[in-house]
Amino acid sequence: MTAPLTPPPPPHHQPSHDAWQVPPAHGAAGVSGYEQDGPGMKTEVREAAVIAVAVAVSGVLLGLLWWWLAPSVPLIADDSAVYLKDSEGEQAIGVDGTFTLLALGFGAVSALVVFLLRRRGGVPLVVGLAVGGVLGSLLAWRIGVWLGPTTDVVAHAKEVGKGVTFSAPLKLGAKGALMAWTLGALVVHIGLTALFGPRDPDPFLSPYGDAPGVPPAV
C-alpha cells in the first residue's frame, strides 16, 4: 500500500497589470499634460500683442543707429541740376546694407529675448514677433529719414551754393530691407525652439513607462 500523494501547491501567479488598474502617478500626469498644454489662447494672444508693441518700439533705436552709421551720399549742384558727386560710388548701396544688417541683428536679439521669456512658444507669439519686426522696421526707416538731411534737395543745393558738396537725404532704396528684422527673428526663434524648446510627451509611450512593444516588467 502506498501513502497518499501530497497535492501540489497552487500555482503562484505573478502580479500583472489588469486593464482596469489605474496607471502610476507619472502616467496620469502625462495624460493631463495633453489636456492642458500652454497657458491658453487668450493669454497667448495678450502676450503676443505685448511682444509686438515692445518689438515695434525698439525700432526707435534701430532708426538712430541707421542714421548714425549709414554712409552719406555726396551730391553737387550746378546752375541747372543736382548730380551725384561720385557716380560710381557705392554709398547708396551702403545705406541699404547698413539698414539690412542692423535689422537682422535686431531680429536675432528680439527672438532670443522672446524665447528666454517664454520657451514654449506658440503661433500667436510668433505672429506677434513677426508683426513687431515689420512695424519696428517702418518706424526705424521714418526716424532715420527724419533725422537725416532734408528731403528738399533743390532747396538744400541753393542753400549751400553751386559746386559745394552736400549730403543726399537718407533714403532706403531696397524696400525689401524692411522685412529683414522679421526674417531674422523668425529664423532665430524657430532654431532656438527646435534646439532648446520643451518636448511633447511620446504618444506611443506606455502609461506604465515601458517602451512600446515591450511587455510590462513583472
N, C-alpha and C. Protein backbone atom coordinates (compact mmCIF):
# COMPACT_ATOMS: atom_id res chain seq x y z
N MET A 1 0.86 -1.20 0.00
CA MET A 1 0.00 0.00 0.00
C MET A 1 0.88 1.23 0.00
N THR A 2 0.54 2.12 -0.80
CA THR A 2 1.34 3.36 -0.93
C THR A 2 0.66 4.49 -0.19
N ALA A 3 1.53 5.41 0.30
CA ALA A 3 0.99 6.58 1.02
C ALA A 3 0.35 7.54 0.03
N PRO A 4 -0.70 8.24 0.48
CA PRO A 4 -1.34 9.20 -0.44
C PRO A 4 -0.38 10.32 -0.84
N LEU A 5 -0.46 10.68 -2.06
CA LEU A 5 0.42 11.74 -2.56
C LEU A 5 -0.04 13.09 -2.06
N THR A 6 0.98 13.92 -1.73
CA THR A 6 0.66 15.29 -1.28
C THR A 6 0.27 16.14 -2.48
N PRO A 7 -0.88 16.79 -2.43
CA PRO A 7 -1.29 17.58 -3.62
C PRO A 7 -0.30 18.71 -3.87
N PRO A 8 -0.03 19.00 -5.12
CA PRO A 8 0.93 20.09 -5.44
C PRO A 8 0.38 21.43 -4.99
N PRO A 9 1.28 22.33 -4.62
CA PRO A 9 0.82 23.66 -4.20
C PRO A 9 0.19 24.41 -5.38
N PRO A 10 -0.75 25.26 -5.07
CA PRO A 10 -1.39 26.02 -6.17
C PRO A 10 -0.36 26.89 -6.88
N PRO A 11 -0.53 27.03 -8.15
CA PRO A 11 0.46 27.85 -8.92
C PRO A 11 0.47 29.28 -8.40
N HIS A 12 1.68 29.77 -8.33
CA HIS A 12 1.87 31.15 -7.83
C HIS A 12 1.84 32.11 -9.03
N HIS A 13 0.84 32.91 -9.04
CA HIS A 13 0.67 33.84 -10.16
C HIS A 13 1.42 35.13 -9.85
N GLN A 14 2.20 35.54 -10.81
CA GLN A 14 2.88 36.83 -10.67
C GLN A 14 1.88 37.96 -10.84
N PRO A 15 2.04 39.05 -10.08
CA PRO A 15 1.12 40.19 -10.25
C PRO A 15 1.24 40.78 -11.64
N SER A 16 0.14 41.07 -12.19
CA SER A 16 0.12 41.67 -13.52
C SER A 16 -0.75 42.91 -13.51
N HIS A 17 -0.58 43.68 -14.50
CA HIS A 17 -1.36 44.91 -14.62
C HIS A 17 -2.66 44.58 -15.34
N ASP A 18 -3.76 44.71 -14.63
CA ASP A 18 -5.05 44.48 -15.26
C ASP A 18 -5.46 45.68 -16.08
N ALA A 19 -6.39 45.43 -16.96
CA ALA A 19 -6.81 46.51 -17.85
C ALA A 19 -7.47 47.64 -17.08
N TRP A 20 -8.10 47.26 -15.91
CA TRP A 20 -8.82 48.30 -15.17
C TRP A 20 -7.94 49.01 -14.17
N GLN A 21 -6.68 48.56 -14.03
CA GLN A 21 -5.82 49.12 -12.99
C GLN A 21 -5.44 50.56 -13.33
N VAL A 22 -5.41 51.41 -12.33
CA VAL A 22 -5.07 52.82 -12.53
C VAL A 22 -3.59 52.94 -12.79
N PRO A 23 -3.17 53.64 -13.84
CA PRO A 23 -1.74 53.79 -14.14
C PRO A 23 -1.04 54.53 -13.02
N PRO A 24 0.30 54.42 -12.98
CA PRO A 24 1.06 55.14 -11.97
C PRO A 24 0.86 56.64 -12.09
N ALA A 25 1.33 57.32 -11.06
CA ALA A 25 1.11 58.77 -10.98
C ALA A 25 1.73 59.50 -12.14
N HIS A 26 2.95 59.03 -12.54
CA HIS A 26 3.60 59.78 -13.63
C HIS A 26 2.84 59.61 -14.93
N GLY A 27 2.17 58.45 -15.10
CA GLY A 27 1.37 58.28 -16.31
C GLY A 27 0.18 59.21 -16.32
N ALA A 28 -0.46 59.36 -15.15
CA ALA A 28 -1.61 60.27 -15.08
C ALA A 28 -1.21 61.69 -15.35
N ALA A 29 -0.04 62.05 -14.87
CA ALA A 29 0.44 63.41 -15.12
C ALA A 29 0.68 63.62 -16.59
N GLY A 30 1.19 62.55 -17.25
CA GLY A 30 1.43 62.70 -18.68
C GLY A 30 0.15 62.87 -19.46
N VAL A 31 -0.91 62.12 -19.01
CA VAL A 31 -2.18 62.26 -19.70
C VAL A 31 -2.76 63.65 -19.51
N SER A 32 -2.65 64.17 -18.28
CA SER A 32 -3.18 65.51 -18.03
C SER A 32 -2.43 66.57 -18.81
N GLY A 33 -1.17 66.24 -19.15
CA GLY A 33 -0.41 67.20 -19.93
C GLY A 33 -1.00 67.44 -21.30
N TYR A 34 -1.67 66.42 -21.84
CA TYR A 34 -2.31 66.59 -23.14
C TYR A 34 -3.55 67.45 -23.03
N GLU A 35 -4.20 67.41 -21.86
CA GLU A 35 -5.43 68.17 -21.70
C GLU A 35 -5.17 69.65 -21.53
N GLN A 36 -4.05 69.98 -20.89
CA GLN A 36 -3.76 71.39 -20.64
C GLN A 36 -2.34 71.68 -21.12
N ASP A 37 -2.20 72.17 -22.30
CA ASP A 37 -0.90 72.44 -22.90
C ASP A 37 -0.78 73.94 -23.16
N GLY A 38 -0.01 74.63 -22.34
CA GLY A 38 0.16 76.06 -22.52
C GLY A 38 -0.80 76.85 -21.67
N PRO A 39 -0.64 78.15 -21.64
CA PRO A 39 -1.45 79.00 -20.76
C PRO A 39 -2.85 79.29 -21.29
N GLY A 40 -3.17 78.91 -22.51
CA GLY A 40 -4.48 79.21 -23.06
C GLY A 40 -4.37 80.25 -24.17
N MET A 41 -5.32 80.18 -25.10
CA MET A 41 -5.25 81.04 -26.28
C MET A 41 -5.36 82.51 -25.94
N LYS A 42 -6.26 82.88 -25.02
CA LYS A 42 -6.43 84.29 -24.69
C LYS A 42 -5.15 84.87 -24.09
N THR A 43 -4.52 84.12 -23.21
CA THR A 43 -3.27 84.59 -22.62
C THR A 43 -2.18 84.71 -23.68
N GLU A 44 -2.11 83.75 -24.59
CA GLU A 44 -1.10 83.79 -25.64
C GLU A 44 -1.30 85.00 -26.56
N VAL A 45 -2.56 85.32 -26.86
CA VAL A 45 -2.83 86.47 -27.72
C VAL A 45 -2.42 87.77 -27.02
N ARG A 46 -2.71 87.87 -25.72
CA ARG A 46 -2.29 89.06 -24.98
C ARG A 46 -0.78 89.18 -24.94
N GLU A 47 -0.10 88.08 -24.71
CA GLU A 47 1.37 88.10 -24.70
C GLU A 47 1.91 88.49 -26.07
N ALA A 48 1.29 87.97 -27.13
CA ALA A 48 1.73 88.31 -28.49
C ALA A 48 1.57 89.80 -28.77
N ALA A 49 0.47 90.39 -28.30
CA ALA A 49 0.26 91.83 -28.50
C ALA A 49 1.31 92.65 -27.77
N VAL A 50 1.63 92.24 -26.55
CA VAL A 50 2.67 92.96 -25.79
C VAL A 50 4.02 92.85 -26.48
N ILE A 51 4.32 91.66 -26.99
CA ILE A 51 5.60 91.46 -27.69
C ILE A 51 5.66 92.30 -28.95
N ALA A 52 4.57 92.36 -29.70
CA ALA A 52 4.55 93.14 -30.93
C ALA A 52 4.80 94.62 -30.64
N VAL A 53 4.17 95.15 -29.59
CA VAL A 53 4.37 96.56 -29.24
C VAL A 53 5.80 96.81 -28.79
N ALA A 54 6.33 95.92 -27.93
CA ALA A 54 7.69 96.11 -27.43
C ALA A 54 8.72 96.05 -28.56
N VAL A 55 8.54 95.11 -29.47
CA VAL A 55 9.48 94.99 -30.59
C VAL A 55 9.37 96.20 -31.50
N ALA A 56 8.16 96.66 -31.76
CA ALA A 56 7.97 97.82 -32.63
C ALA A 56 8.61 99.07 -32.02
N VAL A 57 8.46 99.27 -30.72
CA VAL A 57 9.04 100.46 -30.08
C VAL A 57 10.56 100.44 -30.16
N SER A 58 11.16 99.26 -30.11
CA SER A 58 12.62 99.18 -30.22
C SER A 58 13.12 99.61 -31.60
N GLY A 59 12.20 99.81 -32.55
CA GLY A 59 12.60 100.34 -33.85
C GLY A 59 13.16 101.75 -33.75
N VAL A 60 12.85 102.46 -32.67
CA VAL A 60 13.44 103.79 -32.48
C VAL A 60 14.96 103.68 -32.41
N LEU A 61 15.44 102.69 -31.67
CA LEU A 61 16.89 102.51 -31.56
C LEU A 61 17.50 102.12 -32.89
N LEU A 62 16.82 101.29 -33.65
CA LEU A 62 17.32 100.92 -34.98
C LEU A 62 17.42 102.16 -35.87
N GLY A 63 16.42 103.03 -35.83
CA GLY A 63 16.47 104.24 -36.64
C GLY A 63 17.63 105.14 -36.26
N LEU A 64 17.90 105.26 -34.97
CA LEU A 64 19.03 106.09 -34.52
C LEU A 64 20.37 105.51 -35.00
N LEU A 65 20.50 104.20 -34.88
CA LEU A 65 21.75 103.56 -35.31
C LEU A 65 21.92 103.67 -36.82
N TRP A 66 20.85 103.50 -37.56
CA TRP A 66 20.95 103.62 -39.01
C TRP A 66 21.36 105.03 -39.41
N TRP A 67 20.75 106.03 -38.82
CA TRP A 67 21.12 107.41 -39.12
C TRP A 67 22.58 107.69 -38.76
N TRP A 68 23.07 107.10 -37.69
CA TRP A 68 24.43 107.35 -37.22
C TRP A 68 25.47 106.60 -38.05
N LEU A 69 25.16 105.35 -38.45
CA LEU A 69 26.17 104.50 -39.08
C LEU A 69 26.11 104.50 -40.61
N ALA A 70 25.00 104.88 -41.19
CA ALA A 70 24.88 104.82 -42.65
C ALA A 70 25.81 105.82 -43.31
N PRO A 71 26.47 105.43 -44.40
CA PRO A 71 27.33 106.39 -45.10
C PRO A 71 26.51 107.47 -45.79
N SER A 72 27.09 108.64 -45.90
CA SER A 72 26.41 109.73 -46.60
C SER A 72 26.65 109.64 -48.10
N VAL A 73 25.66 110.04 -48.85
CA VAL A 73 25.75 110.04 -50.31
C VAL A 73 26.02 111.48 -50.75
N PRO A 74 27.22 111.79 -51.29
CA PRO A 74 27.55 113.18 -51.64
C PRO A 74 26.88 113.63 -52.94
N LEU A 75 26.33 114.81 -52.91
CA LEU A 75 25.72 115.44 -54.08
C LEU A 75 26.42 116.76 -54.36
N ILE A 76 26.26 117.22 -55.60
CA ILE A 76 26.81 118.51 -56.00
C ILE A 76 25.86 119.12 -57.04
N ALA A 77 25.76 120.43 -57.07
CA ALA A 77 24.81 121.10 -57.96
C ALA A 77 25.53 122.14 -58.81
N ASP A 78 24.95 122.36 -59.99
CA ASP A 78 25.41 123.46 -60.83
C ASP A 78 24.21 124.38 -61.07
N ASP A 79 24.24 125.14 -62.11
CA ASP A 79 23.16 126.10 -62.36
C ASP A 79 21.86 125.45 -62.81
N SER A 80 21.95 124.20 -63.26
CA SER A 80 20.75 123.60 -63.85
C SER A 80 20.23 122.36 -63.11
N ALA A 81 21.09 121.62 -62.41
CA ALA A 81 20.65 120.35 -61.83
C ALA A 81 21.55 119.96 -60.66
N VAL A 82 21.13 118.88 -60.01
CA VAL A 82 21.88 118.29 -58.88
C VAL A 82 22.36 116.92 -59.33
N TYR A 83 23.62 116.60 -59.06
CA TYR A 83 24.21 115.36 -59.51
C TYR A 83 24.87 114.63 -58.34
N LEU A 84 25.07 113.33 -58.55
CA LEU A 84 25.93 112.58 -57.64
C LEU A 84 27.37 113.02 -57.86
N LYS A 85 28.05 113.33 -56.80
CA LYS A 85 29.44 113.74 -56.94
C LYS A 85 30.31 112.59 -57.44
N ASP A 86 30.03 111.40 -56.95
CA ASP A 86 30.75 110.21 -57.39
C ASP A 86 29.74 109.25 -57.99
N SER A 87 29.63 109.29 -59.30
CA SER A 87 28.59 108.49 -59.97
C SER A 87 28.84 106.99 -59.84
N GLU A 88 30.07 106.60 -59.56
CA GLU A 88 30.38 105.18 -59.41
C GLU A 88 30.52 104.77 -57.95
N GLY A 89 30.19 105.64 -57.05
CA GLY A 89 30.29 105.33 -55.64
C GLY A 89 29.23 104.32 -55.19
N GLU A 90 29.52 103.66 -54.10
CA GLU A 90 28.62 102.64 -53.57
C GLU A 90 27.99 103.07 -52.24
N GLN A 91 27.93 104.37 -52.01
CA GLN A 91 27.36 104.84 -50.75
C GLN A 91 25.88 104.50 -50.63
N ALA A 92 25.15 104.61 -51.75
CA ALA A 92 23.72 104.30 -51.69
C ALA A 92 23.48 102.83 -51.34
N ILE A 93 24.31 101.94 -51.88
CA ILE A 93 24.20 100.53 -51.52
C ILE A 93 24.55 100.33 -50.05
N GLY A 94 25.55 101.10 -49.58
CA GLY A 94 25.92 101.01 -48.17
C GLY A 94 24.81 101.44 -47.24
N VAL A 95 24.00 102.40 -47.66
CA VAL A 95 22.87 102.84 -46.84
C VAL A 95 21.88 101.70 -46.66
N ASP A 96 21.53 101.03 -47.76
CA ASP A 96 20.61 99.89 -47.67
C ASP A 96 21.24 98.73 -46.90
N GLY A 97 22.51 98.48 -47.15
CA GLY A 97 23.18 97.37 -46.46
C GLY A 97 23.27 97.59 -44.96
N THR A 98 23.53 98.83 -44.56
CA THR A 98 23.60 99.13 -43.13
C THR A 98 22.26 98.86 -42.46
N PHE A 99 21.18 99.31 -43.09
CA PHE A 99 19.85 99.07 -42.52
C PHE A 99 19.56 97.57 -42.43
N THR A 100 19.89 96.84 -43.49
CA THR A 100 19.59 95.41 -43.52
C THR A 100 20.35 94.65 -42.43
N LEU A 101 21.64 94.93 -42.29
CA LEU A 101 22.43 94.23 -41.28
C LEU A 101 21.97 94.57 -39.87
N LEU A 102 21.68 95.84 -39.64
CA LEU A 102 21.17 96.22 -38.32
C LEU A 102 19.83 95.56 -38.03
N ALA A 103 18.96 95.52 -39.02
CA ALA A 103 17.64 94.91 -38.83
C ALA A 103 17.76 93.41 -38.55
N LEU A 104 18.66 92.73 -39.25
CA LEU A 104 18.87 91.31 -38.97
C LEU A 104 19.37 91.10 -37.54
N GLY A 105 20.29 91.96 -37.10
CA GLY A 105 20.77 91.86 -35.73
C GLY A 105 19.67 92.11 -34.71
N PHE A 106 18.84 93.11 -34.96
CA PHE A 106 17.73 93.38 -34.06
C PHE A 106 16.74 92.21 -34.05
N GLY A 107 16.53 91.59 -35.20
CA GLY A 107 15.64 90.44 -35.25
C GLY A 107 16.18 89.27 -34.43
N ALA A 108 17.48 89.01 -34.53
CA ALA A 108 18.07 87.92 -33.77
C ALA A 108 17.97 88.18 -32.26
N VAL A 109 18.27 89.41 -31.85
CA VAL A 109 18.22 89.74 -30.42
C VAL A 109 16.79 89.67 -29.89
N SER A 110 15.84 90.21 -30.63
CA SER A 110 14.45 90.17 -30.16
C SER A 110 13.95 88.73 -30.07
N ALA A 111 14.33 87.88 -31.02
CA ALA A 111 13.92 86.48 -30.96
C ALA A 111 14.52 85.78 -29.75
N LEU A 112 15.78 86.08 -29.44
CA LEU A 112 16.43 85.47 -28.28
C LEU A 112 15.74 85.90 -26.98
N VAL A 113 15.44 87.18 -26.87
CA VAL A 113 14.77 87.68 -25.65
C VAL A 113 13.40 87.04 -25.49
N VAL A 114 12.64 86.97 -26.57
CA VAL A 114 11.29 86.37 -26.50
C VAL A 114 11.38 84.90 -26.14
N PHE A 115 12.35 84.20 -26.69
CA PHE A 115 12.50 82.78 -26.37
C PHE A 115 12.87 82.58 -24.91
N LEU A 116 13.75 83.39 -24.38
CA LEU A 116 14.14 83.25 -22.98
C LEU A 116 12.98 83.57 -22.04
N LEU A 117 12.12 84.51 -22.44
CA LEU A 117 10.97 84.86 -21.59
C LEU A 117 9.87 83.82 -21.67
N ARG A 118 9.72 83.19 -22.82
CA ARG A 118 8.64 82.21 -22.98
C ARG A 118 9.10 81.11 -23.93
N ARG A 119 9.62 80.05 -23.35
CA ARG A 119 10.24 78.99 -24.15
C ARG A 119 9.22 78.15 -24.92
N ARG A 120 7.99 78.04 -24.42
CA ARG A 120 7.04 77.16 -25.06
C ARG A 120 6.66 77.65 -26.45
N GLY A 121 6.71 78.94 -26.68
CA GLY A 121 6.38 79.47 -27.99
C GLY A 121 4.89 79.46 -28.25
N GLY A 122 4.52 79.21 -29.48
CA GLY A 122 3.12 79.23 -29.87
C GLY A 122 2.93 80.11 -31.09
N VAL A 123 1.88 79.82 -31.85
CA VAL A 123 1.63 80.57 -33.08
C VAL A 123 1.37 82.05 -32.81
N PRO A 124 0.54 82.43 -31.81
CA PRO A 124 0.34 83.86 -31.57
C PRO A 124 1.63 84.61 -31.24
N LEU A 125 2.51 83.97 -30.49
CA LEU A 125 3.77 84.62 -30.13
C LEU A 125 4.63 84.86 -31.37
N VAL A 126 4.69 83.88 -32.25
CA VAL A 126 5.48 84.04 -33.48
C VAL A 126 4.89 85.13 -34.37
N VAL A 127 3.56 85.17 -34.44
CA VAL A 127 2.91 86.22 -35.23
C VAL A 127 3.20 87.59 -34.64
N GLY A 128 3.14 87.71 -33.31
CA GLY A 128 3.46 88.98 -32.66
C GLY A 128 4.88 89.41 -32.91
N LEU A 129 5.80 88.46 -32.90
CA LEU A 129 7.20 88.77 -33.18
C LEU A 129 7.37 89.26 -34.62
N ALA A 130 6.69 88.61 -35.56
CA ALA A 130 6.80 89.00 -36.96
C ALA A 130 6.19 90.37 -37.22
N VAL A 131 4.99 90.61 -36.66
CA VAL A 131 4.33 91.91 -36.85
C VAL A 131 5.15 93.02 -36.20
N GLY A 132 5.67 92.76 -35.01
CA GLY A 132 6.50 93.76 -34.36
C GLY A 132 7.75 94.10 -35.15
N GLY A 133 8.34 93.09 -35.82
CA GLY A 133 9.52 93.35 -36.64
C GLY A 133 9.21 94.26 -37.82
N VAL A 134 8.06 94.04 -38.47
CA VAL A 134 7.68 94.91 -39.59
C VAL A 134 7.42 96.33 -39.12
N LEU A 135 6.65 96.48 -38.03
CA LEU A 135 6.35 97.82 -37.51
C LEU A 135 7.62 98.52 -37.03
N GLY A 136 8.50 97.78 -36.39
CA GLY A 136 9.76 98.37 -35.94
C GLY A 136 10.62 98.84 -37.09
N SER A 137 10.64 98.09 -38.18
CA SER A 137 11.41 98.49 -39.35
C SER A 137 10.83 99.76 -39.98
N LEU A 138 9.50 99.81 -40.09
CA LEU A 138 8.88 101.01 -40.64
C LEU A 138 9.18 102.24 -39.77
N LEU A 139 9.10 102.06 -38.46
CA LEU A 139 9.39 103.18 -37.56
C LEU A 139 10.85 103.61 -37.68
N ALA A 140 11.76 102.65 -37.76
CA ALA A 140 13.18 102.97 -37.89
C ALA A 140 13.46 103.71 -39.20
N TRP A 141 12.84 103.28 -40.27
CA TRP A 141 13.02 103.92 -41.57
C TRP A 141 12.58 105.38 -41.52
N ARG A 142 11.40 105.63 -40.97
CA ARG A 142 10.91 107.01 -40.94
C ARG A 142 11.74 107.88 -39.99
N ILE A 143 12.20 107.33 -38.89
CA ILE A 143 13.03 108.11 -37.96
C ILE A 143 14.36 108.46 -38.61
N GLY A 144 14.96 107.49 -39.31
CA GLY A 144 16.22 107.77 -39.99
C GLY A 144 16.09 108.85 -41.04
N VAL A 145 15.02 108.79 -41.82
CA VAL A 145 14.77 109.82 -42.85
C VAL A 145 14.55 111.18 -42.19
N TRP A 146 13.84 111.19 -41.08
CA TRP A 146 13.54 112.44 -40.39
C TRP A 146 14.79 113.07 -39.79
N LEU A 147 15.68 112.24 -39.25
CA LEU A 147 16.90 112.76 -38.64
C LEU A 147 17.96 113.12 -39.68
N GLY A 148 17.90 112.51 -40.84
CA GLY A 148 18.91 112.74 -41.86
C GLY A 148 18.77 114.09 -42.53
N PRO A 149 19.57 114.32 -43.57
CA PRO A 149 19.49 115.59 -44.31
C PRO A 149 18.10 115.82 -44.89
N THR A 150 17.80 117.05 -45.14
CA THR A 150 16.47 117.40 -45.64
C THR A 150 16.18 116.70 -46.96
N THR A 151 14.90 116.38 -47.14
CA THR A 151 14.49 115.72 -48.37
C THR A 151 14.27 116.71 -49.52
N ASP A 152 14.31 118.00 -49.25
CA ASP A 152 14.17 119.02 -50.29
C ASP A 152 15.57 119.29 -50.87
N VAL A 153 15.93 118.47 -51.85
CA VAL A 153 17.28 118.54 -52.39
C VAL A 153 17.53 119.88 -53.10
N VAL A 154 16.56 120.39 -53.81
CA VAL A 154 16.75 121.64 -54.54
C VAL A 154 17.01 122.80 -53.58
N ALA A 155 16.21 122.88 -52.54
CA ALA A 155 16.42 123.95 -51.56
C ALA A 155 17.76 123.81 -50.87
N HIS A 156 18.16 122.58 -50.58
CA HIS A 156 19.45 122.35 -49.94
C HIS A 156 20.60 122.77 -50.86
N ALA A 157 20.47 122.45 -52.16
CA ALA A 157 21.51 122.83 -53.11
C ALA A 157 21.63 124.35 -53.22
N LYS A 158 20.50 125.05 -53.23
CA LYS A 158 20.55 126.51 -53.29
C LYS A 158 21.15 127.09 -52.02
N GLU A 159 20.91 126.43 -50.91
CA GLU A 159 21.42 126.93 -49.63
C GLU A 159 22.94 126.82 -49.55
N VAL A 160 23.49 125.70 -50.01
CA VAL A 160 24.94 125.52 -49.91
C VAL A 160 25.68 126.24 -51.04
N GLY A 161 25.02 126.44 -52.18
CA GLY A 161 25.67 127.13 -53.29
C GLY A 161 26.18 126.19 -54.37
N LYS A 162 26.43 126.75 -55.53
CA LYS A 162 26.89 125.96 -56.68
C LYS A 162 28.28 125.40 -56.44
N GLY A 163 28.45 124.11 -56.79
CA GLY A 163 29.75 123.46 -56.70
C GLY A 163 30.13 123.01 -55.30
N VAL A 164 29.27 123.16 -54.34
CA VAL A 164 29.56 122.75 -52.96
C VAL A 164 28.93 121.38 -52.71
N THR A 165 29.73 120.47 -52.13
CA THR A 165 29.23 119.11 -51.86
C THR A 165 28.32 119.13 -50.63
N PHE A 166 27.23 118.41 -50.73
CA PHE A 166 26.33 118.25 -49.59
C PHE A 166 25.78 116.83 -49.61
N SER A 167 25.15 116.43 -48.52
CA SER A 167 24.68 115.04 -48.37
C SER A 167 23.26 114.89 -48.88
N ALA A 168 23.03 113.76 -49.54
CA ALA A 168 21.69 113.43 -50.01
C ALA A 168 20.82 112.99 -48.84
N PRO A 169 19.52 113.06 -48.99
CA PRO A 169 18.63 112.56 -47.93
C PRO A 169 18.89 111.08 -47.65
N LEU A 170 18.67 110.69 -46.42
CA LEU A 170 18.80 109.28 -46.05
C LEU A 170 17.61 108.52 -46.62
N LYS A 171 17.89 107.67 -47.59
CA LYS A 171 16.82 107.00 -48.33
C LYS A 171 17.06 105.52 -48.36
N LEU A 172 15.98 104.76 -48.22
CA LEU A 172 16.07 103.30 -48.30
C LEU A 172 15.62 102.89 -49.69
N GLY A 173 16.60 102.55 -50.53
CA GLY A 173 16.29 102.21 -51.91
C GLY A 173 15.65 100.84 -52.05
N ALA A 174 16.16 99.85 -51.32
CA ALA A 174 15.63 98.49 -51.38
C ALA A 174 14.60 98.31 -50.28
N LYS A 175 13.34 98.42 -50.62
CA LYS A 175 12.29 98.32 -49.61
C LYS A 175 12.18 96.92 -49.02
N GLY A 176 12.78 95.94 -49.67
CA GLY A 176 12.79 94.60 -49.09
C GLY A 176 13.55 94.53 -47.78
N ALA A 177 14.41 95.53 -47.53
CA ALA A 177 15.14 95.56 -46.26
C ALA A 177 14.19 95.70 -45.07
N LEU A 178 12.99 96.18 -45.31
CA LEU A 178 12.01 96.32 -44.23
C LEU A 178 11.57 94.97 -43.68
N MET A 179 11.82 93.89 -44.41
CA MET A 179 11.46 92.55 -43.94
C MET A 179 12.62 91.84 -43.26
N ALA A 180 13.79 92.46 -43.21
CA ALA A 180 14.96 91.79 -42.66
C ALA A 180 14.78 91.49 -41.17
N TRP A 181 14.21 92.43 -40.43
CA TRP A 181 14.00 92.21 -39.00
C TRP A 181 13.12 90.99 -38.76
N THR A 182 11.99 90.92 -39.44
CA THR A 182 11.08 89.80 -39.28
C THR A 182 11.73 88.49 -39.69
N LEU A 183 12.44 88.50 -40.81
CA LEU A 183 13.09 87.29 -41.28
C LEU A 183 14.12 86.78 -40.27
N GLY A 184 14.96 87.69 -39.78
CA GLY A 184 15.97 87.28 -38.80
C GLY A 184 15.33 86.76 -37.52
N ALA A 185 14.25 87.41 -37.08
CA ALA A 185 13.59 86.99 -35.84
C ALA A 185 12.98 85.60 -35.98
N LEU A 186 12.32 85.34 -37.10
CA LEU A 186 11.66 84.05 -37.28
C LEU A 186 12.68 82.92 -37.39
N VAL A 187 13.76 83.15 -38.14
CA VAL A 187 14.77 82.10 -38.30
C VAL A 187 15.41 81.76 -36.96
N VAL A 188 15.78 82.77 -36.20
CA VAL A 188 16.44 82.53 -34.92
C VAL A 188 15.48 81.89 -33.92
N HIS A 189 14.25 82.38 -33.88
CA HIS A 189 13.29 81.83 -32.92
C HIS A 189 12.95 80.37 -33.24
N ILE A 190 12.76 80.06 -34.51
CA ILE A 190 12.48 78.67 -34.88
C ILE A 190 13.66 77.78 -34.54
N GLY A 191 14.87 78.26 -34.80
CA GLY A 191 16.05 77.47 -34.47
C GLY A 191 16.19 77.22 -32.98
N LEU A 192 15.98 78.25 -32.18
CA LEU A 192 16.08 78.09 -30.72
C LEU A 192 15.01 77.16 -30.20
N THR A 193 13.80 77.28 -30.72
CA THR A 193 12.72 76.40 -30.27
C THR A 193 13.00 74.95 -30.64
N ALA A 194 13.54 74.73 -31.84
CA ALA A 194 13.85 73.36 -32.26
C ALA A 194 14.96 72.75 -31.42
N LEU A 195 15.94 73.55 -31.02
CA LEU A 195 17.09 73.02 -30.28
C LEU A 195 16.86 72.94 -28.78
N PHE A 196 16.21 73.97 -28.23
CA PHE A 196 16.14 74.06 -26.77
C PHE A 196 14.72 74.14 -26.23
N GLY A 197 13.70 74.09 -27.09
CA GLY A 197 12.33 74.19 -26.62
C GLY A 197 11.87 72.93 -25.93
N PRO A 198 10.76 72.99 -25.18
CA PRO A 198 10.23 71.80 -24.49
C PRO A 198 9.75 70.77 -25.48
N ARG A 199 9.85 69.52 -25.08
CA ARG A 199 9.42 68.41 -25.93
C ARG A 199 8.07 67.88 -25.46
N ASP A 200 7.20 67.54 -26.40
CA ASP A 200 5.92 66.92 -26.07
C ASP A 200 6.15 65.47 -25.67
N PRO A 201 5.30 64.92 -24.78
CA PRO A 201 5.44 63.50 -24.41
C PRO A 201 5.25 62.61 -25.62
N ASP A 202 5.93 61.44 -25.58
CA ASP A 202 5.82 60.47 -26.67
C ASP A 202 4.44 59.84 -26.63
N PRO A 203 3.60 60.05 -27.67
CA PRO A 203 2.25 59.47 -27.63
C PRO A 203 2.24 57.96 -27.67
N PHE A 204 3.34 57.30 -28.05
CA PHE A 204 3.41 55.85 -28.13
C PHE A 204 4.00 55.24 -26.87
N LEU A 205 4.32 56.05 -25.88
CA LEU A 205 4.89 55.54 -24.65
C LEU A 205 3.79 54.95 -23.78
N SER A 206 4.05 53.77 -23.21
CA SER A 206 3.07 53.13 -22.34
C SER A 206 2.82 53.97 -21.11
N PRO A 207 1.60 54.02 -20.58
CA PRO A 207 1.33 54.78 -19.36
C PRO A 207 2.10 54.25 -18.16
N TYR A 208 2.66 53.00 -18.28
CA TYR A 208 3.46 52.44 -17.18
C TYR A 208 4.93 52.72 -17.34
N GLY A 209 5.29 53.52 -18.36
CA GLY A 209 6.68 53.88 -18.53
C GLY A 209 7.48 52.89 -19.34
N ASP A 210 6.83 51.82 -19.88
CA ASP A 210 7.54 50.83 -20.67
C ASP A 210 7.63 51.26 -22.10
N ALA A 211 8.64 50.82 -22.79
CA ALA A 211 8.81 51.13 -24.19
C ALA A 211 7.72 50.45 -25.00
N PRO A 212 7.30 51.04 -26.12
CA PRO A 212 6.25 50.43 -26.93
C PRO A 212 6.67 49.08 -27.46
N GLY A 213 5.75 48.14 -27.42
CA GLY A 213 6.04 46.79 -27.91
C GLY A 213 6.70 45.91 -26.91
N VAL A 214 7.06 46.37 -25.71
CA VAL A 214 7.72 45.58 -24.69
C VAL A 214 6.72 45.30 -23.59
N PRO A 215 6.51 44.04 -23.17
CA PRO A 215 5.54 43.76 -22.12
C PRO A 215 5.97 44.37 -20.80
N PRO A 216 5.02 44.71 -19.92
CA PRO A 216 5.35 45.34 -18.66
C PRO A 216 6.26 44.46 -17.83
N ALA A 217 7.13 45.08 -17.07
CA ALA A 217 8.03 44.34 -16.19
C ALA A 217 7.24 43.71 -15.07
N VAL A 218 7.64 42.50 -14.67
CA VAL A 218 6.93 41.76 -13.61
C VAL A 218 7.83 41.65 -12.40
